[in-house]
Amino acid sequence: ITKVSELINHSSRSWNEILIRNTFVGSVVEKILRIPLAVKEHEDLIVWRGELTGIFSMRSACKLLLENNHDLHITNLQNATKAFYKKLWNLNL
């Protein structure tokens, strides 16, 4: 498996749970299965270009959103997942 899209059942727009359970172990499986998928299939796009450290952080995510605010695809993605991210940001972590 080299792409996340290989873990998705495209006809039902759901995770391929059997493949995920056979590929990953422990709590990773449940974490993947809890990730919401887009309702409509769309072309892949590069969202995160990376940091020099190679580590994805909230800082890099915010930087990405600010840099790409003019990009229509990013804006549509933000609008479609606004409620999810609002809940995420309000978590007491």
PDB file of N, CA and C in Angstrom:
ATOM      1  N   ILE A   1       0.859  -1.172   0.000  1.00  0.00           N
ATOM      2  CA  ILE A   1       0.000   0.000   0.000  1.00  0.00           C
ATOM      3  C   ILE A   1       0.902   1.231   0.000  1.00  0.00           C
ATOM      4  N   THR A   2       0.710   2.075  -1.005  1.00  0.00           N
ATOM      5  CA  THR A   2       1.540   3.280  -1.095  1.00  0.00           C
ATOM      6  C   THR A   2       0.728   4.561  -0.994  1.00  0.00           C
ATOM      7  N   LYS A   3      -0.600   4.460  -1.120  1.00  0.00           N
ATOM      8  CA  LYS A   3      -1.456   5.644  -1.059  1.00  0.00           C
ATOM      9  C   LYS A   3      -2.648   5.378  -0.146  1.00  0.00           C
ATOM     10  N   VAL A   4      -3.086   6.418   0.514  1.00  0.00           N
ATOM     11  CA  VAL A   4      -4.264   6.313   1.378  1.00  0.00           C
ATOM     12  C   VAL A   4      -5.471   5.871   0.561  1.00  0.00           C
ATOM     13  N   SER A   5      -5.573   6.316  -0.680  1.00  0.00           N
ATOM     14  CA  SER A   5      -6.737   5.974  -1.509  1.00  0.00           C
ATOM     15  C   SER A   5      -6.900   4.473  -1.694  1.00  0.00           C
ATOM     16  N   GLU A   6      -5.824   3.719  -1.519  1.00  0.00           N
ATOM     17  CA  GLU A   6      -5.894   2.264  -1.636  1.00  0.00           C
ATOM     18  C   GLU A   6      -6.627   1.641  -0.451  1.00  0.00           C
ATOM     19  N   LEU A   7      -6.816   2.406   0.616  1.00  0.00           N
ATOM     20  CA  LEU A   7      -7.521   1.924   1.804  1.00  0.00           C
ATOM     21  C   LEU A   7      -9.012   2.259   1.775  1.00  0.00           C
ATOM     22  N   ILE A   8      -9.453   2.889   0.691  1.00  0.00           N
ATOM     23  CA  ILE A   8     -10.839   3.359   0.590  1.00  0.00           C
ATOM     24  C   ILE A   8     -11.617   2.509  -0.396  1.00  0.00           C
ATOM     25  N   ASN A   9     -12.838   2.131  -0.006  1.00  0.00           N
ATOM     26  CA  ASN A   9     -13.772   1.468  -0.902  1.00  0.00           C
ATOM     27  C   ASN A   9     -14.496   2.592  -1.649  1.00  0.00           C
ATOM     28  N   HIS A  10     -14.117   2.828  -2.883  1.00  0.00           N
ATOM     29  CA  HIS A  10     -14.601   3.998  -3.626  1.00  0.00           C
ATOM     30  C   HIS A  10     -16.079   3.919  -4.000  1.00  0.00           C
ATOM     31  N   SER A  11     -16.620   2.729  -4.135  1.00  0.00           N
ATOM     32  CA  SER A  11     -18.039   2.626  -4.498  1.00  0.00           C
ATOM     33  C   SER A  11     -18.950   3.017  -3.334  1.00  0.00           C
ATOM     34  N   SER A  12     -18.514   2.738  -2.109  1.00  0.00           N
ATOM     35  CA  SER A  12     -19.348   3.074  -0.952  1.00  0.00           C
ATOM     36  C   SER A  12     -18.838   4.309  -0.198  1.00  0.00           C
ATOM     37  N   ARG A  13     -17.693   4.859  -0.624  1.00  0.00           N
ATOM     38  CA  ARG A  13     -17.061   6.013   0.035  1.00  0.00           C
ATOM     39  C   ARG A  13     -16.847   5.728   1.519  1.00  0.00           C
ATOM     40  N   SER A  14     -16.312   4.543   1.801  1.00  0.00           N
ATOM     41  CA  SER A  14     -16.019   4.157   3.180  1.00  0.00           C
ATOM     42  C   SER A  14     -14.640   3.511   3.224  1.00  0.00           C
ATOM     43  N   TRP A  15     -14.099   3.385   4.427  1.00  0.00           N
ATOM     44  CA  TRP A  15     -12.818   2.714   4.592  1.00  0.00           C
ATOM     45  C   TRP A  15     -12.964   1.230   4.285  1.00  0.00           C
ATOM     46  N   ASN A  16     -11.947   0.641   3.706  1.00  0.00           N
ATOM     47  CA  ASN A  16     -11.898  -0.805   3.501  1.00  0.00           C
ATOM     48  C   ASN A  16     -11.423  -1.405   4.828  1.00  0.00           C
ATOM     49  N   GLU A  17     -12.361  -1.648   5.710  1.00  0.00           N
ATOM     50  CA  GLU A  17     -12.055  -2.034   7.086  1.00  0.00           C
ATOM     51  C   GLU A  17     -11.244  -3.330   7.167  1.00  0.00           C
ATOM     52  N   ILE A  18     -11.570  -4.298   6.344  1.00  0.00           N
ATOM     53  CA  ILE A  18     -10.851  -5.576   6.369  1.00  0.00           C
ATOM     54  C   ILE A  18      -9.380  -5.356   6.014  1.00  0.00           C
ATOM     55  N   LEU A  19      -9.120  -4.597   4.969  1.00  0.00           N
ATOM     56  CA  LEU A  19      -7.743  -4.316   4.557  1.00  0.00           C
ATOM     57  C   LEU A  19      -7.001  -3.539   5.641  1.00  0.00           C
ATOM     58  N   ILE A  20      -7.656  -2.571   6.236  1.00  0.00           N
ATOM     59  CA  ILE A  20      -7.028  -1.774   7.290  1.00  0.00           C
ATOM     60  C   ILE A  20      -6.676  -2.649   8.486  1.00  0.00           C
ATOM     61  N   ARG A  21      -7.604  -3.511   8.892  1.00  0.00           N
ATOM     62  CA  ARG A  21      -7.345  -4.394  10.043  1.00  0.00           C
ATOM     63  C   ARG A  21      -6.245  -5.413   9.743  1.00  0.00           C
ATOM     64  N   ASN A  22      -6.097  -5.797   8.471  1.00  0.00           N
ATOM     65  CA  ASN A  22      -5.048  -6.742   8.090  1.00  0.00           C
ATOM     66  C   ASN A  22      -3.699  -6.065   7.847  1.00  0.00           C
ATOM     67  N   THR A  23      -3.698  -4.745   7.735  1.00  0.00           N
ATOM     68  CA  THR A  23      -2.477  -4.012   7.431  1.00  0.00           C
ATOM     69  C   THR A  23      -1.868  -3.350   8.657  1.00  0.00           C
ATOM     70  N   PHE A  24      -2.714  -2.813   9.537  1.00  0.00           N
ATOM     71  CA  PHE A  24      -2.253  -2.068  10.701  1.00  0.00           C
ATOM     72  C   PHE A  24      -2.588  -2.828  11.977  1.00  0.00           C
ATOM     73  N   VAL A  25      -1.996  -2.399  13.075  1.00  0.00           N
ATOM     74  CA  VAL A  25      -2.207  -3.085  14.350  1.00  0.00           C
ATOM     75  C   VAL A  25      -2.647  -2.113  15.435  1.00  0.00           C
ATOM     76  N   GLY A  26      -3.252  -2.673  16.464  1.00  0.00           N
ATOM     77  CA  GLY A  26      -3.579  -1.915  17.672  1.00  0.00           C
ATOM     78  C   GLY A  26      -4.489  -0.725  17.450  1.00  0.00           C
ATOM     79  N   SER A  27      -4.203   0.320  18.187  1.00  0.00           N
ATOM     80  CA  SER A  27      -5.055   1.508  18.171  1.00  0.00           C
ATOM     81  C   SER A  27      -4.992   2.266  16.846  1.00  0.00           C
ATOM     82  N   VAL A  28      -3.989   1.978  16.021  1.00  0.00           N
ATOM     83  CA  VAL A  28      -3.874   2.650  14.726  1.00  0.00           C
ATOM     84  C   VAL A  28      -5.101   2.352  13.869  1.00  0.00           C
ATOM     85  N   VAL A  29      -5.576   1.127  13.927  1.00  0.00           N
ATOM     86  CA  VAL A  29      -6.749   0.728  13.146  1.00  0.00           C
ATOM     87  C   VAL A  29      -7.947   1.605  13.485  1.00  0.00           C
ATOM     88  N   GLU A  30      -8.242   1.730  14.771  1.00  0.00           N
ATOM     89  CA  GLU A  30      -9.410   2.521  15.191  1.00  0.00           C
ATOM     90  C   GLU A  30      -9.235   3.998  14.861  1.00  0.00           C
ATOM     91  N   LYS A  31      -8.021   4.497  14.947  1.00  0.00           N
ATOM     92  CA  LYS A  31      -7.767   5.898  14.610  1.00  0.00           C
ATOM     93  C   LYS A  31      -8.042   6.155  13.132  1.00  0.00           C
ATOM     94  N   ILE A  32      -7.591   5.250  12.281  1.00  0.00           N
ATOM     95  CA  ILE A  32      -7.841   5.401  10.840  1.00  0.00           C
ATOM     96  C   ILE A  32      -9.337   5.353  10.557  1.00  0.00           C
ATOM     97  N   LEU A  33     -10.022   4.387  11.134  1.00  0.00           N
ATOM     98  CA  LEU A  33     -11.452   4.210  10.862  1.00  0.00           C
ATOM     99  C   LEU A  33     -12.294   5.378  11.357  1.00  0.00           C
ATOM    100  N   ARG A  34     -11.779   6.158  12.298  1.00  0.00           N
ATOM    101  CA  ARG A  34     -12.516   7.333  12.791  1.00  0.00           C
ATOM    102  C   ARG A  34     -12.320   8.572  11.918  1.00  0.00           C
ATOM    103  N   ILE A  35     -11.389   8.522  10.980  1.00  0.00           N
ATOM    104  CA  ILE A  35     -11.159   9.671  10.103  1.00  0.00           C
ATOM    105  C   ILE A  35     -12.309   9.766   9.108  1.00  0.00           C
ATOM    106  N   PRO A  36     -13.010  10.910   9.087  1.00  0.00           N
ATOM    107  CA  PRO A  36     -14.130  11.031   8.136  1.00  0.00           C
ATOM    108  C   PRO A  36     -13.617  11.163   6.699  1.00  0.00           C
ATOM    109  N   LEU A  37     -14.340  10.538   5.795  1.00  0.00           N
ATOM    110  CA  LEU A  37     -13.997  10.622   4.374  1.00  0.00           C
ATOM    111  C   LEU A  37     -14.907  11.627   3.673  1.00  0.00           C
ATOM    112  N   ALA A  38     -14.409  12.203   2.606  1.00  0.00           N
ATOM    113  CA  ALA A  38     -15.216  13.128   1.818  1.00  0.00           C
ATOM    114  C   ALA A  38     -16.414  12.389   1.242  1.00  0.00           C
ATOM    115  N   VAL A  39     -17.550  13.046   1.194  1.00  0.00           N
ATOM    116  CA  VAL A  39     -18.769  12.432   0.662  1.00  0.00           C
ATOM    117  C   VAL A  39     -18.635  12.221  -0.843  1.00  0.00           C
ATOM    118  N   LYS A  40     -18.047  13.188  -1.527  1.00  0.00           N
ATOM    119  CA  LYS A  40     -17.855  13.096  -2.972  1.00  0.00           C
ATOM    120  C   LYS A  40     -16.387  12.882  -3.280  1.00  0.00           C
ATOM    121  N   GLU A  41     -16.127  11.975  -4.208  1.00  0.00           N
ATOM    122  CA  GLU A  41     -14.753  11.718  -4.621  1.00  0.00           C
ATOM    123  C   GLU A  41     -14.230  12.918  -5.388  1.00  0.00           C
ATOM    124  N   HIS A  42     -12.955  13.242  -5.190  1.00  0.00           N
ATOM    125  CA  HIS A  42     -12.345  14.368  -5.895  1.00  0.00           C
ATOM    126  C   HIS A  42     -10.890  14.038  -6.210  1.00  0.00           C
ATOM    127  N   GLU A  43     -10.313  14.835  -7.075  1.00  0.00           N
ATOM    128  CA  GLU A  43      -8.918  14.644  -7.441  1.00  0.00           C
ATOM    129  C   GLU A  43      -8.029  14.872  -6.222  1.00  0.00           C
ATOM    130  N   ASP A  44      -6.954  14.102  -6.135  1.00  0.00           N
ATOM    131  CA  ASP A  44      -5.981  14.324  -5.076  1.00  0.00           C
ATOM    132  C   ASP A  44      -5.297  15.665  -5.291  1.00  0.00           C
ATOM    133  N   LEU A  45      -4.917  16.283  -4.195  1.00  0.00           N
ATOM    134  CA  LEU A  45      -4.151  17.506  -4.275  1.00  0.00           C
ATOM    135  C   LEU A  45      -3.142  17.523  -3.148  1.00  0.00           C
ATOM    136  N   ILE A  46      -2.021  18.161  -3.402  1.00  0.00           N
ATOM    137  CA  ILE A  46      -1.004  18.261  -2.375  1.00  0.00           C
ATOM    138  C   ILE A  46      -1.448  19.320  -1.388  1.00  0.00           C
ATOM    139  N   VAL A  47      -1.614  18.910  -0.146  1.00  0.00           N
ATOM    140  CA  VAL A  47      -2.076  19.828   0.883  1.00  0.00           C
ATOM    141  C   VAL A  47      -0.900  20.292   1.732  1.00  0.00           C
ATOM    142  N   TRP A  48      -0.044  19.381   2.111  1.00  0.00           N
ATOM    143  CA  TRP A  48       1.088  19.733   2.962  1.00  0.00           C
ATOM    144  C   TRP A  48       2.375  19.467   2.202  1.00  0.00           C
ATOM    145  N   ARG A  49       3.145  20.505   1.983  1.00  0.00           N
ATOM    146  CA  ARG A  49       4.398  20.375   1.244  1.00  0.00           C
ATOM    147  C   ARG A  49       5.542  19.926   2.138  1.00  0.00           C
ATOM    148  N   GLY A  50       5.340  19.979   3.441  1.00  0.00           N
ATOM    149  CA  GLY A  50       6.374  19.527   4.364  1.00  0.00           C
ATOM    150  C   GLY A  50       7.121  20.674   5.022  1.00  0.00           C
ATOM    151  N   GLU A  51       7.781  20.350   6.070  1.00  0.00           N
ATOM    152  CA  GLU A  51       8.633  21.270   6.812  1.00  0.00           C
ATOM    153  C   GLU A  51      10.056  20.725   6.743  1.00  0.00           C
ATOM    154  N   LEU A  52      11.021  21.568   7.003  1.00  0.00           N
ATOM    155  CA  LEU A  52      12.403  21.111   6.992  1.00  0.00           C
ATOM    156  C   LEU A  52      12.638  19.985   7.989  1.00  0.00           C
ATOM    157  N   THR A  53      11.898  20.001   9.092  1.00  0.00           N
ATOM    158  CA  THR A  53      12.041  18.959  10.107  1.00  0.00           C
ATOM    159  C   THR A  53      11.395  17.647   9.679  1.00  0.00           C
ATOM    160  N   GLY A  54      10.466  17.710   8.718  1.00  0.00           N
ATOM    161  CA  GLY A  54       9.729  16.528   8.296  1.00  0.00           C
ATOM    162  C   GLY A  54       8.598  16.171   9.239  1.00  0.00           C
ATOM    163  N   ILE A  55       8.326  17.043  10.207  1.00  0.00           N
ATOM    164  CA  ILE A  55       7.286  16.785  11.204  1.00  0.00           C
ATOM    165  C   ILE A  55       6.079  17.675  10.927  1.00  0.00           C
ATOM    166  N   PHE A  56       4.889  17.053  10.870  1.00  0.00           N
ATOM    167  CA  PHE A  56       3.655  17.812  10.695  1.00  0.00           C
ATOM    168  C   PHE A  56       3.197  18.283  12.066  1.00  0.00           C
ATOM    169  N   SER A  57       2.923  19.577  12.192  1.00  0.00           N
ATOM    170  CA  SER A  57       2.502  20.139  13.477  1.00  0.00           C
ATOM    171  C   SER A  57       1.313  21.069  13.259  1.00  0.00           C
ATOM    172  N   MET A  58       0.706  21.495  14.349  1.00  0.00           N
ATOM    173  CA  MET A  58      -0.390  22.458  14.237  1.00  0.00           C
ATOM    174  C   MET A  58       0.128  23.760  13.628  1.00  0.00           C
ATOM    175  N   ARG A  59       1.357  24.118  13.939  1.00  0.00           N
ATOM    176  CA  ARG A  59       1.958  25.322  13.368  1.00  0.00           C
ATOM    177  C   ARG A  59       2.017  25.210  11.843  1.00  0.00           C
ATOM    178  N   SER A  60       2.463  24.051  11.350  1.00  0.00           N
ATOM    179  CA  SER A  60       2.562  23.882   9.907  1.00  0.00           C
ATOM    180  C   SER A  60       1.178  23.826   9.260  1.00  0.00           C
ATOM    181  N   ALA A  61       0.185  23.279   9.977  1.00  0.00           N
ATOM    182  CA  ALA A  61      -1.179  23.241   9.446  1.00  0.00           C
ATOM    183  C   ALA A  61      -1.746  24.653   9.329  1.00  0.00           C
ATOM    184  N   CYS A  62      -1.554  25.466  10.357  1.00  0.00           N
ATOM    185  CA  CYS A  62      -2.043  26.851  10.318  1.00  0.00           C
ATOM    186  C   CYS A  62      -1.342  27.631   9.223  1.00  0.00           C
ATOM    187  N   LYS A  63      -0.042  27.424   9.099  1.00  0.00           N
ATOM    188  CA  LYS A  63       0.742  28.090   8.052  1.00  0.00           C
ATOM    189  C   LYS A  63       0.201  27.718   6.669  1.00  0.00           C
ATOM    190  N   LEU A  64      -0.086  26.445   6.497  1.00  0.00           N
ATOM    191  CA  LEU A  64      -0.634  25.958   5.234  1.00  0.00           C
ATOM    192  C   LEU A  64      -1.961  26.637   4.904  1.00  0.00           C
ATOM    193  N   LEU A  65      -2.853  26.702   5.880  1.00  0.00           N
ATOM    194  CA  LEU A  65      -4.166  27.314   5.662  1.00  0.00           C
ATOM    195  C   LEU A  65      -4.042  28.796   5.314  1.00  0.00           C
ATOM    196  N   LEU A  66      -3.143  29.480   5.965  1.00  0.00           N
ATOM    197  CA  LEU A  66      -2.950  30.898   5.681  1.00  0.00           C
ATOM    198  C   LEU A  66      -2.361  31.120   4.293  1.00  0.00           C
ATOM    199  N   GLU A  67      -1.396  30.288   3.913  1.00  0.00           N
ATOM    200  CA  GLU A  67      -0.758  30.419   2.605  1.00  0.00           C
ATOM    201  C   GLU A  67      -1.706  30.094   1.461  1.00  0.00           C
ATOM    202  N   ASN A  68      -2.589  29.133   1.668  1.00  0.00           N
ATOM    203  CA  ASN A  68      -3.446  28.641   0.594  1.00  0.00           C
ATOM    204  C   ASN A  68      -4.886  29.117   0.697  1.00  0.00           C
ATOM    205  N   ASN A  69      -5.129  30.134   1.458  1.00  0.00           N
ATOM    206  CA  ASN A  69      -6.493  30.612   1.649  1.00  0.00           C
ATOM    207  C   ASN A  69      -7.147  31.012   0.331  1.00  0.00           C
ATOM    208  N   HIS A  70      -6.355  31.396  -0.652  1.00  0.00           N
ATOM    209  CA  HIS A  70      -6.888  31.815  -1.946  1.00  0.00           C
ATOM    210  C   HIS A  70      -7.209  30.632  -2.860  1.00  0.00           C
ATOM    211  N   ASP A  71      -6.737  29.452  -2.544  1.00  0.00           N
ATOM    212  CA  ASP A  71      -6.946  28.272  -3.376  1.00  0.00           C
ATOM    213  C   ASP A  71      -8.371  27.751  -3.207  1.00  0.00           C
ATOM    214  N   LEU A  72      -9.121  27.655  -4.301  1.00  0.00           N
ATOM    215  CA  LEU A  72     -10.525  27.250  -4.265  1.00  0.00           C
ATOM    216  C   LEU A  72     -10.705  25.849  -3.683  1.00  0.00           C
ATOM    217  N   HIS A  73      -9.827  24.910  -4.056  1.00  0.00           N
ATOM    218  CA  HIS A  73      -9.942  23.551  -3.532  1.00  0.00           C
ATOM    219  C   HIS A  73      -9.775  23.532  -2.020  1.00  0.00           C
ATOM    220  N   ILE A  74      -8.794  24.267  -1.518  1.00  0.00           N
ATOM    221  CA  ILE A  74      -8.559  24.314  -0.077  1.00  0.00           C
ATOM    222  C   ILE A  74      -9.750  24.958   0.615  1.00  0.00           C
ATOM    223  N   THR A  75     -10.278  26.040   0.039  1.00  0.00           N
ATOM    224  CA  THR A  75     -11.429  26.725   0.626  1.00  0.00           C
ATOM    225  C   THR A  75     -12.630  25.795   0.693  1.00  0.00           C
ATOM    226  N   ASN A  76     -12.894  25.052  -0.375  1.00  0.00           N
ATOM    227  CA  ASN A  76     -14.016  24.109  -0.381  1.00  0.00           C
ATOM    228  C   ASN A  76     -13.810  23.014   0.658  1.00  0.00           C
ATOM    229  N   LEU A  77     -12.580  22.535   0.785  1.00  0.00           N
ATOM    230  CA  LEU A  77     -12.271  21.510   1.776  1.00  0.00           C
ATOM    231  C   LEU A  77     -12.498  22.056   3.181  1.00  0.00           C
ATOM    232  N   GLN A  78     -12.075  23.300   3.415  1.00  0.00           N
ATOM    233  CA  GLN A  78     -12.266  23.917   4.731  1.00  0.00           C
ATOM    234  C   GLN A  78     -13.748  24.053   5.051  1.00  0.00           C
ATOM    235  N   ASN A  79     -14.541  24.499   4.092  1.00  0.00           N
ATOM    236  CA  ASN A  79     -15.975  24.675   4.321  1.00  0.00           C
ATOM    237  C   ASN A  79     -16.665  23.353   4.603  1.00  0.00           C
ATOM    238  N   ALA A  80     -16.265  22.312   3.890  1.00  0.00           N
ATOM    239  CA  ALA A  80     -16.902  21.007   4.043  1.00  0.00           C
ATOM    240  C   ALA A  80     -16.581  20.363   5.382  1.00  0.00           C
ATOM    241  N   THR A  81     -15.459  20.714   5.971  1.00  0.00           N
ATOM    242  CA  THR A  81     -15.041  20.068   7.217  1.00  0.00           C
ATOM    243  C   THR A  81     -15.004  21.035   8.398  1.00  0.00           C
ATOM    244  N   LYS A  82     -15.640  22.170   8.267  1.00  0.00           N
ATOM    245  CA  LYS A  82     -15.601  23.210   9.292  1.00  0.00           C
ATOM    246  C   LYS A  82     -16.075  22.713  10.663  1.00  0.00           C
ATOM    247  N   ALA A  83     -17.171  21.990  10.700  1.00  0.00           N
ATOM    248  CA  ALA A  83     -17.712  21.492  11.982  1.00  0.00           C
ATOM    249  C   ALA A  83     -16.739  20.510  12.636  1.00  0.00           C
ATOM    250  N   PHE A  84     -16.149  19.638  11.828  1.00  0.00           N
ATOM    251  CA  PHE A  84     -15.190  18.680  12.358  1.00  0.00           C
ATOM    252  C   PHE A  84     -14.004  19.394  12.993  1.00  0.00           C
ATOM    253  N   TYR A  85     -13.439  20.374  12.286  1.00  0.00           N
ATOM    254  CA  TYR A  85     -12.274  21.075  12.805  1.00  0.00           C
ATOM    255  C   TYR A  85     -12.623  21.961  13.993  1.00  0.00           C
ATOM    256  N   LYS A  86     -13.824  22.475  14.039  1.00  0.00           N
ATOM    257  CA  LYS A  86     -14.239  23.266  15.200  1.00  0.00           C
ATOM    258  C   LYS A  86     -14.219  22.385  16.443  1.00  0.00           C
ATOM    259  N   LYS A  87     -14.743  21.158  16.323  1.00  0.00           N
ATOM    260  CA  LYS A  87     -14.718  20.219  17.443  1.00  0.00           C
ATOM    261  C   LYS A  87     -13.285  19.844  17.803  1.00  0.00           C
ATOM    262  N   LEU A  88     -12.454  19.618  16.791  1.00  0.00           N
ATOM    263  CA  LEU A  88     -11.068  19.250  17.017  1.00  0.00           C
ATOM    264  C   LEU A  88     -10.326  20.323  17.799  1.00  0.00           C
ATOM    265  N   TRP A  89     -10.481  21.577  17.400  1.00  0.00           N
ATOM    266  CA  TRP A  89      -9.792  22.681  18.064  1.00  0.00           C
ATOM    267  C   TRP A  89     -10.295  22.884  19.492  1.00  0.00           C
ATOM    268  N   ASN A  90     -11.511  22.460  19.785  1.00  0.00           N
ATOM    269  CA  ASN A  90     -12.058  22.629  21.122  1.00  0.00           C
ATOM    270  C   ASN A  90     -11.741  21.475  22.078  1.00  0.00           C
ATOM    271  N   LEU A  91     -11.037  20.470  21.594  1.00  0.00           N
ATOM    272  CA  LEU A  91     -10.662  19.354  22.465  1.00  0.00           C
ATOM    273  C   LEU A  91      -9.711  19.841  23.551  1.00  0.00           C
ATOM    274  N   ASN A  92      -9.879  19.327  24.733  1.00  0.00           N
ATOM    275  CA  ASN A  92      -9.026  19.694  25.863  1.00  0.00           C
ATOM    276  C   ASN A  92      -7.833  18.744  25.918  1.00  0.00           C
ATOM    277  N   LEU A  93      -6.823  19.055  25.130  1.00  0.00           N
ATOM    278  CA  LEU A  93      -5.632  18.188  25.042  1.00  0.00           C
ATOM    279  C   LEU A  93      -4.417  18.883  25.595  1.00  0.00           C
TER     280      LEU A  93
END
